[in-house]
PDB file of all heavy atoms in Angstrom:
ATOM      1  N   GLY A   1    -188.861  56.075  77.134  1.00  0.00           N
ATOM      2  CA  GLY A   1    -188.179  54.936  77.773  1.00  0.00           C
ATOM      3  C   GLY A   1    -189.032  54.239  78.905  1.00  0.00           C
ATOM      4  O   GLY A   1    -188.561  53.366  79.545  1.00  0.00           O
ATOM      5  N   GLU A   2    -190.279  54.677  79.014  1.00  0.00           N
ATOM      6  CA  GLU A   2    -191.189  54.000  80.019  1.00  0.00           C
ATOM      7  C   GLU A   2    -191.791  52.777  79.433  1.00  0.00           C
ATOM      8  O   GLU A   2    -192.104  52.705  78.238  1.00  0.00           O
ATOM      9  CB  GLU A   2    -192.300  55.039  80.385  1.00  0.00           C
ATOM     10  CG  GLU A   2    -191.793  56.330  81.002  1.00  0.00           C
ATOM     11  CD  GLU A   2    -191.183  56.166  82.371  1.00  0.00           C
ATOM     12  OE1 GLU A   2    -191.716  55.310  83.126  1.00  0.00           O
ATOM     13  OE2 GLU A   2    -190.181  56.829  82.625  1.00  0.00           O
ATOM     14  N   ARG A   3    -191.988  51.741  80.321  1.00  0.00           N
ATOM     15  CA  ARG A   3    -192.571  50.528  79.848  1.00  0.00           C
ATOM     16  C   ARG A   3    -194.063  50.697  79.565  1.00  0.00           C
ATOM     17  O   ARG A   3    -194.766  51.374  80.310  1.00  0.00           O
ATOM     18  CB  ARG A   3    -192.485  49.435  80.910  1.00  0.00           C
ATOM     19  CG  ARG A   3    -191.094  48.908  81.150  1.00  0.00           C
ATOM     20  CD  ARG A   3    -190.909  47.680  80.338  1.00  0.00           C
ATOM     21  NE  ARG A   3    -189.555  47.165  80.597  1.00  0.00           N
ATOM     22  CZ  ARG A   3    -188.809  46.553  79.719  1.00  0.00           C
ATOM     23  NH1 ARG A   3    -189.261  46.383  78.520  1.00  0.00           N
ATOM     24  NH2 ARG A   3    -187.605  46.162  80.029  1.00  0.00           N
ATOM     25  N   ILE A   4    -194.504  50.060  78.485  1.00  0.00           N
ATOM     26  CA  ILE A   4    -195.943  50.056  78.157  1.00  0.00           C
ATOM     27  C   ILE A   4    -196.465  48.694  78.656  1.00  0.00           C
ATOM     28  O   ILE A   4    -195.963  47.624  78.255  1.00  0.00           O
ATOM     29  CB  ILE A   4    -196.178  50.151  76.625  1.00  0.00           C
ATOM     30  CG1 ILE A   4    -195.527  51.503  76.121  1.00  0.00           C
ATOM     31  CG2 ILE A   4    -197.626  50.030  76.288  1.00  0.00           C
ATOM     32  CD1 ILE A   4    -195.502  51.581  74.634  1.00  0.00           C
ATOM     33  N   ALA A   5    -197.407  48.737  79.565  1.00  0.00           N
ATOM     34  CA  ALA A   5    -197.899  47.520  80.182  1.00  0.00           C
ATOM     35  C   ALA A   5    -198.563  46.601  79.119  1.00  0.00           C
ATOM     36  O   ALA A   5    -199.218  47.084  78.222  1.00  0.00           O
ATOM     37  CB  ALA A   5    -198.927  47.838  81.254  1.00  0.00           C
ATOM     38  N   MET A   6    -198.389  45.300  79.319  1.00  0.00           N
ATOM     39  CA  MET A   6    -198.980  44.315  78.403  1.00  0.00           C
ATOM     40  C   MET A   6    -200.456  44.122  78.804  1.00  0.00           C
ATOM     41  O   MET A   6    -200.837  44.196  79.971  1.00  0.00           O
ATOM     42  CB  MET A   6    -198.247  42.986  78.520  1.00  0.00           C
ATOM     43  CG  MET A   6    -196.762  43.012  78.184  1.00  0.00           C
ATOM     44  SD  MET A   6    -196.536  43.069  76.385  1.00  0.00           S
ATOM     45  CE  MET A   6    -196.663  41.349  75.995  1.00  0.00           C
ATOM     46  N   ASP A   7    -201.280  43.931  77.801  1.00  0.00           N
ATOM     47  CA  ASP A   7    -202.738  43.715  78.011  1.00  0.00           C
ATOM     48  C   ASP A   7    -203.103  42.222  78.264  1.00  0.00           C
ATOM     49  O   ASP A   7    -204.228  41.935  78.616  1.00  0.00           O
ATOM     50  CB  ASP A   7    -203.571  44.222  76.859  1.00  0.00           C
ATOM     51  CG  ASP A   7    -203.521  45.714  76.685  1.00  0.00           C
ATOM     52  OD1 ASP A   7    -203.431  46.415  77.725  1.00  0.00           O
ATOM     53  OD2 ASP A   7    -203.553  46.170  75.546  1.00  0.00           O
ATOM     54  N   VAL A   8    -202.108  41.314  78.091  1.00  0.00           N
ATOM     55  CA  VAL A   8    -202.346  39.954  78.261  1.00  0.00           C
ATOM     56  C   VAL A   8    -201.400  39.407  79.359  1.00  0.00           C
ATOM     57  O   VAL A   8    -200.424  40.018  79.690  1.00  0.00           O
ATOM     58  CB  VAL A   8    -202.156  39.118  76.953  1.00  0.00           C
ATOM     59  CG1 VAL A   8    -203.171  39.540  75.923  1.00  0.00           C
ATOM     60  CG2 VAL A   8    -200.761  39.339  76.394  1.00  0.00           C
ATOM     61  N   LYS A   9    -201.746  38.216  79.872  1.00  0.00           N
ATOM     62  CA  LYS A   9    -200.925  37.595  80.921  1.00  0.00           C
ATOM     63  C   LYS A   9    -200.854  36.057  80.639  1.00  0.00           C
ATOM     64  O   LYS A   9    -201.667  35.518  79.926  1.00  0.00           O
ATOM     65  CB  LYS A   9    -201.476  37.907  82.281  1.00  0.00           C
ATOM     66  CG  LYS A   9    -202.861  37.371  82.541  1.00  0.00           C
ATOM     67  CD  LYS A   9    -203.409  37.844  83.832  1.00  0.00           C
ATOM     68  CE  LYS A   9    -204.802  37.362  84.079  1.00  0.00           C
ATOM     69  NZ  LYS A   9    -205.754  37.529  83.074  1.00  0.00           N
ATOM     70  N   ALA A  10    -199.921  35.401  81.286  1.00  0.00           N
ATOM     71  CA  ALA A  10    -199.805  33.955  81.154  1.00  0.00           C
ATOM     72  C   ALA A  10    -201.162  33.309  81.630  1.00  0.00           C
ATOM     73  O   ALA A  10    -201.733  33.742  82.587  1.00  0.00           O
ATOM     74  CB  ALA A  10    -198.654  33.446  81.998  1.00  0.00           C
ATOM     75  N   GLY A  11    -201.581  32.319  80.848  1.00  0.00           N
ATOM     76  CA  GLY A  11    -202.793  31.628  81.159  1.00  0.00           C
ATOM     77  C   GLY A  11    -204.003  32.092  80.331  1.00  0.00           C
ATOM     78  O   GLY A  11    -205.010  31.437  80.255  1.00  0.00           O
ATOM     79  N   ASP A  12    -203.926  33.321  79.725  1.00  0.00           N
ATOM     80  CA  ASP A  12    -205.004  33.824  78.875  1.00  0.00           C
ATOM     81  C   ASP A  12    -205.171  32.949  77.651  1.00  0.00           C
ATOM     82  O   ASP A  12    -204.181  32.508  77.048  1.00  0.00           O
ATOM     83  CB  ASP A  12    -204.729  35.259  78.398  1.00  0.00           C
ATOM     84  CG  ASP A  12    -204.941  36.285  79.525  1.00  0.00           C
ATOM     85  OD1 ASP A  12    -205.505  35.922  80.589  1.00  0.00           O
ATOM     86  OD2 ASP A  12    -204.577  37.433  79.285  1.00  0.00           O
ATOM     87  N   ARG A  13    -206.428  32.708  77.259  1.00  0.00           N
ATOM     88  CA  ARG A  13    -206.741  32.078  75.974  1.00  0.00           C
ATOM     89  C   ARG A  13    -206.934  33.109  74.947  1.00  0.00           C
ATOM     90  O   ARG A  13    -207.724  34.036  75.157  1.00  0.00           O
ATOM     91  CB  ARG A  13    -207.999  31.160  76.097  1.00  0.00           C
ATOM     92  CG  ARG A  13    -207.751  29.910  76.854  1.00  0.00           C
ATOM     93  CD  ARG A  13    -209.021  29.083  77.001  1.00  0.00           C
ATOM     94  NE  ARG A  13    -209.456  28.633  75.660  1.00  0.00           N
ATOM     95  CZ  ARG A  13    -209.617  27.371  75.354  1.00  0.00           C
ATOM     96  NH1 ARG A  13    -209.381  26.415  76.273  1.00  0.00           N
ATOM     97  NH2 ARG A  13    -210.007  27.004  74.149  1.00  0.00           N
ATOM     98  N   ILE A  14    -206.262  33.011  73.860  1.00  0.00           N
ATOM     99  CA  ILE A  14    -206.316  34.071  72.847  1.00  0.00           C
ATOM    100  C   ILE A  14    -206.658  33.504  71.430  1.00  0.00           C
ATOM    101  O   ILE A  14    -206.529  32.356  71.160  1.00  0.00           O
ATOM    102  CB  ILE A  14    -204.901  34.771  72.790  1.00  0.00           C
ATOM    103  CG1 ILE A  14    -203.813  33.768  72.419  1.00  0.00           C
ATOM    104  CG2 ILE A  14    -204.600  35.479  74.054  1.00  0.00           C
ATOM    105  CD1 ILE A  14    -202.502  34.453  71.987  1.00  0.00           C
ATOM    106  N   LEU A  15    -207.040  34.452  70.571  1.00  0.00           N
ATOM    107  CA  LEU A  15    -207.175  34.233  69.152  1.00  0.00           C
ATOM    108  C   LEU A  15    -206.083  34.992  68.444  1.00  0.00           C
ATOM    109  O   LEU A  15    -205.815  36.173  68.803  1.00  0.00           O
ATOM    110  CB  LEU A  15    -208.543  34.664  68.663  1.00  0.00           C
ATOM    111  CG  LEU A  15    -209.732  33.827  69.168  1.00  0.00           C
ATOM    112  CD1 LEU A  15    -211.035  34.447  68.654  1.00  0.00           C
ATOM    113  CD2 LEU A  15    -209.678  32.439  68.724  1.00  0.00           C
ATOM    114  N   PHE A  16    -205.551  34.456  67.391  1.00  0.00           N
ATOM    115  CA  PHE A  16    -204.504  35.152  66.632  1.00  0.00           C
ATOM    116  C   PHE A  16    -204.668  34.887  65.152  1.00  0.00           C
ATOM    117  O   PHE A  16    -205.385  33.970  64.753  1.00  0.00           O
ATOM    118  CB  PHE A  16    -203.074  34.772  67.107  1.00  0.00           C
ATOM    119  CG  PHE A  16    -202.836  33.272  67.236  1.00  0.00           C
ATOM    120  CD1 PHE A  16    -202.412  32.584  66.107  1.00  0.00           C
ATOM    121  CD2 PHE A  16    -203.029  32.647  68.432  1.00  0.00           C
ATOM    122  CE1 PHE A  16    -202.188  31.186  66.210  1.00  0.00           C
ATOM    123  CE2 PHE A  16    -202.823  31.258  68.522  1.00  0.00           C
ATOM    124  CZ  PHE A  16    -202.361  30.553  67.416  1.00  0.00           C
ATOM    125  N   GLY A  17    -204.033  35.653  64.340  1.00  0.00           N
ATOM    126  CA  GLY A  17    -204.136  35.562  62.882  1.00  0.00           C
ATOM    127  C   GLY A  17    -203.484  34.274  62.383  1.00  0.00           C
ATOM    128  O   GLY A  17    -202.605  33.703  62.989  1.00  0.00           O
ATOM    129  N   LYS A  18    -203.939  33.880  61.232  1.00  0.00           N
ATOM    130  CA  LYS A  18    -203.470  32.638  60.611  1.00  0.00           C
ATOM    131  C   LYS A  18    -201.964  32.594  60.367  1.00  0.00           C
ATOM    132  O   LYS A  18    -201.301  31.567  60.505  1.00  0.00           O
ATOM    133  CB  LYS A  18    -204.192  32.446  59.267  1.00  0.00           C
ATOM    134  CG  LYS A  18    -204.088  31.104  58.619  1.00  0.00           C
ATOM    135  CD  LYS A  18    -204.916  31.063  57.414  1.00  0.00           C
ATOM    136  CE  LYS A  18    -205.422  29.697  57.148  1.00  0.00           C
ATOM    137  NZ  LYS A  18    -206.396  29.574  56.091  1.00  0.00           N
ATOM    138  N   TRP A  19    -201.400  33.730  59.984  1.00  0.00           N
ATOM    139  CA  TRP A  19    -199.944  33.757  59.698  1.00  0.00           C
ATOM    140  C   TRP A  19    -199.142  34.457  60.778  1.00  0.00           C
ATOM    141  O   TRP A  19    -198.002  34.871  60.540  1.00  0.00           O
ATOM    142  CB  TRP A  19    -199.751  34.442  58.333  1.00  0.00           C
ATOM    143  CG  TRP A  19    -200.600  33.862  57.262  1.00  0.00           C
ATOM    144  CD1 TRP A  19    -201.682  34.465  56.684  1.00  0.00           C
ATOM    145  CD2 TRP A  19    -200.488  32.547  56.679  1.00  0.00           C
ATOM    146  NE1 TRP A  19    -202.227  33.587  55.753  1.00  0.00           N
ATOM    147  CE2 TRP A  19    -201.517  32.436  55.783  1.00  0.00           C
ATOM    148  CE3 TRP A  19    -199.615  31.530  56.847  1.00  0.00           C
ATOM    149  CZ2 TRP A  19    -201.650  31.312  54.973  1.00  0.00           C
ATOM    150  CZ3 TRP A  19    -199.760  30.400  56.085  1.00  0.00           C
ATOM    151  CH2 TRP A  19    -200.784  30.324  55.145  1.00  0.00           C
ATOM    152  N   SER A  20    -199.684  34.502  61.991  1.00  0.00           N
ATOM    153  CA  SER A  20    -199.007  35.200  63.121  1.00  0.00           C
ATOM    154  C   SER A  20    -197.906  34.330  63.713  1.00  0.00           C
ATOM    155  O   SER A  20    -198.013  33.107  63.755  1.00  0.00           O
ATOM    156  CB  SER A  20    -200.008  35.502  64.192  1.00  0.00           C
ATOM    157  OG  SER A  20    -201.005  36.399  63.750  1.00  0.00           O
ATOM    158  N   GLY A  21    -196.910  34.982  64.200  1.00  0.00           N
ATOM    159  CA  GLY A  21    -195.895  34.317  65.041  1.00  0.00           C
ATOM    160  C   GLY A  21    -194.870  33.467  64.275  1.00  0.00           C
ATOM    161  O   GLY A  21    -194.919  33.262  63.108  1.00  0.00           O
ATOM    162  N   ILE A  22    -193.909  33.017  65.076  1.00  0.00           N
ATOM    163  CA  ILE A  22    -192.820  32.174  64.593  1.00  0.00           C
ATOM    164  C   ILE A  22    -192.870  30.888  65.401  1.00  0.00           C
ATOM    165  O   ILE A  22    -192.960  30.899  66.669  1.00  0.00           O
ATOM    166  CB  ILE A  22    -191.452  32.842  64.811  1.00  0.00           C
ATOM    167  CG1 ILE A  22    -191.383  34.119  63.967  1.00  0.00           C
ATOM    168  CG2 ILE A  22    -190.324  31.935  64.447  1.00  0.00           C
ATOM    169  CD1 ILE A  22    -190.188  35.024  64.295  1.00  0.00           C
ATOM    170  N   GLU A  23    -192.895  29.778  64.746  1.00  0.00           N
ATOM    171  CA  GLU A  23    -192.962  28.486  65.450  1.00  0.00           C
ATOM    172  C   GLU A  23    -191.604  28.063  65.911  1.00  0.00           C
ATOM    173  O   GLU A  23    -190.586  28.221  65.211  1.00  0.00           O
ATOM    174  CB  GLU A  23    -193.523  27.399  64.506  1.00  0.00           C
ATOM    175  CG  GLU A  23    -194.981  27.664  64.150  1.00  0.00           C
ATOM    176  CD  GLU A  23    -195.564  26.624  63.268  1.00  0.00           C
ATOM    177  OE1 GLU A  23    -194.861  25.676  62.901  1.00  0.00           O
ATOM    178  OE2 GLU A  23    -196.755  26.759  62.930  1.00  0.00           O
ATOM    179  N   ILE A  24    -191.493  27.603  67.200  1.00  0.00           N
ATOM    180  CA  ILE A  24    -190.230  27.153  67.798  1.00  0.00           C
ATOM    181  C   ILE A  24    -190.529  25.795  68.531  1.00  0.00           C
ATOM    182  O   ILE A  24    -191.687  25.494  68.754  1.00  0.00           O
ATOM    183  CB  ILE A  24    -189.631  28.148  68.760  1.00  0.00           C
ATOM    184  CG1 ILE A  24    -190.573  28.365  69.975  1.00  0.00           C
ATOM    185  CG2 ILE A  24    -189.390  29.480  68.071  1.00  0.00           C
ATOM    186  CD1 ILE A  24    -189.890  29.096  71.083  1.00  0.00           C
ATOM    187  N   LYS A  25    -189.460  25.110  68.779  1.00  0.00           N
ATOM    188  CA  LYS A  25    -189.572  23.882  69.574  1.00  0.00           C
ATOM    189  C   LYS A  25    -188.762  24.130  70.815  1.00  0.00           C
ATOM    190  O   LYS A  25    -187.595  24.458  70.744  1.00  0.00           O
ATOM    191  CB  LYS A  25    -189.042  22.690  68.797  1.00  0.00           C
ATOM    192  CG  LYS A  25    -189.358  21.330  69.527  1.00  0.00           C
ATOM    193  CD  LYS A  25    -189.001  20.171  68.654  1.00  0.00           C
ATOM    194  CE  LYS A  25    -190.080  19.875  67.744  1.00  0.00           C
ATOM    195  NZ  LYS A  25    -190.935  18.831  67.838  1.00  0.00           N
ATOM    196  N   LEU A  26    -189.390  24.032  72.029  1.00  0.00           N
ATOM    197  CA  LEU A  26    -188.740  24.308  73.250  1.00  0.00           C
ATOM    198  C   LEU A  26    -189.013  23.145  74.190  1.00  0.00           C
ATOM    199  O   LEU A  26    -190.161  22.789  74.446  1.00  0.00           O
ATOM    200  CB  LEU A  26    -189.295  25.596  73.894  1.00  0.00           C
ATOM    201  CG  LEU A  26    -188.598  26.221  75.030  1.00  0.00           C
ATOM    202  CD1 LEU A  26    -187.169  26.600  74.695  1.00  0.00           C
ATOM    203  CD2 LEU A  26    -189.349  27.461  75.507  1.00  0.00           C
ATOM    204  N   ASP A  27    -187.982  22.469  74.655  1.00  0.00           N
ATOM    205  CA  ASP A  27    -188.090  21.259  75.510  1.00  0.00           C
ATOM    206  C   ASP A  27    -189.011  20.196  74.863  1.00  0.00           C
ATOM    207  O   ASP A  27    -189.811  19.567  75.513  1.00  0.00           O
ATOM    208  CB  ASP A  27    -188.594  21.630  76.873  1.00  0.00           C
ATOM    209  CG  ASP A  27    -187.601  22.402  77.685  1.00  0.00           C
ATOM    210  OD1 ASP A  27    -186.427  22.317  77.382  1.00  0.00           O
ATOM    211  OD2 ASP A  27    -188.032  23.066  78.687  1.00  0.00           O
ATOM    212  N   GLY A  28    -188.889  20.081  73.514  1.00  0.00           N
ATOM    213  CA  GLY A  28    -189.672  19.056  72.803  1.00  0.00           C
ATOM    214  C   GLY A  28    -191.111  19.431  72.554  1.00  0.00           C
ATOM    215  O   GLY A  28    -191.874  18.724  71.951  1.00  0.00           O
TER     216      GLY A  28
END
């Protein structure tokens, strides 16, 4: 039940896989 710290933070520039993630529209 202990939190595992994230290795990334807001503002980081990242590379991700071609089919990664879910696209959403937030505030246009």
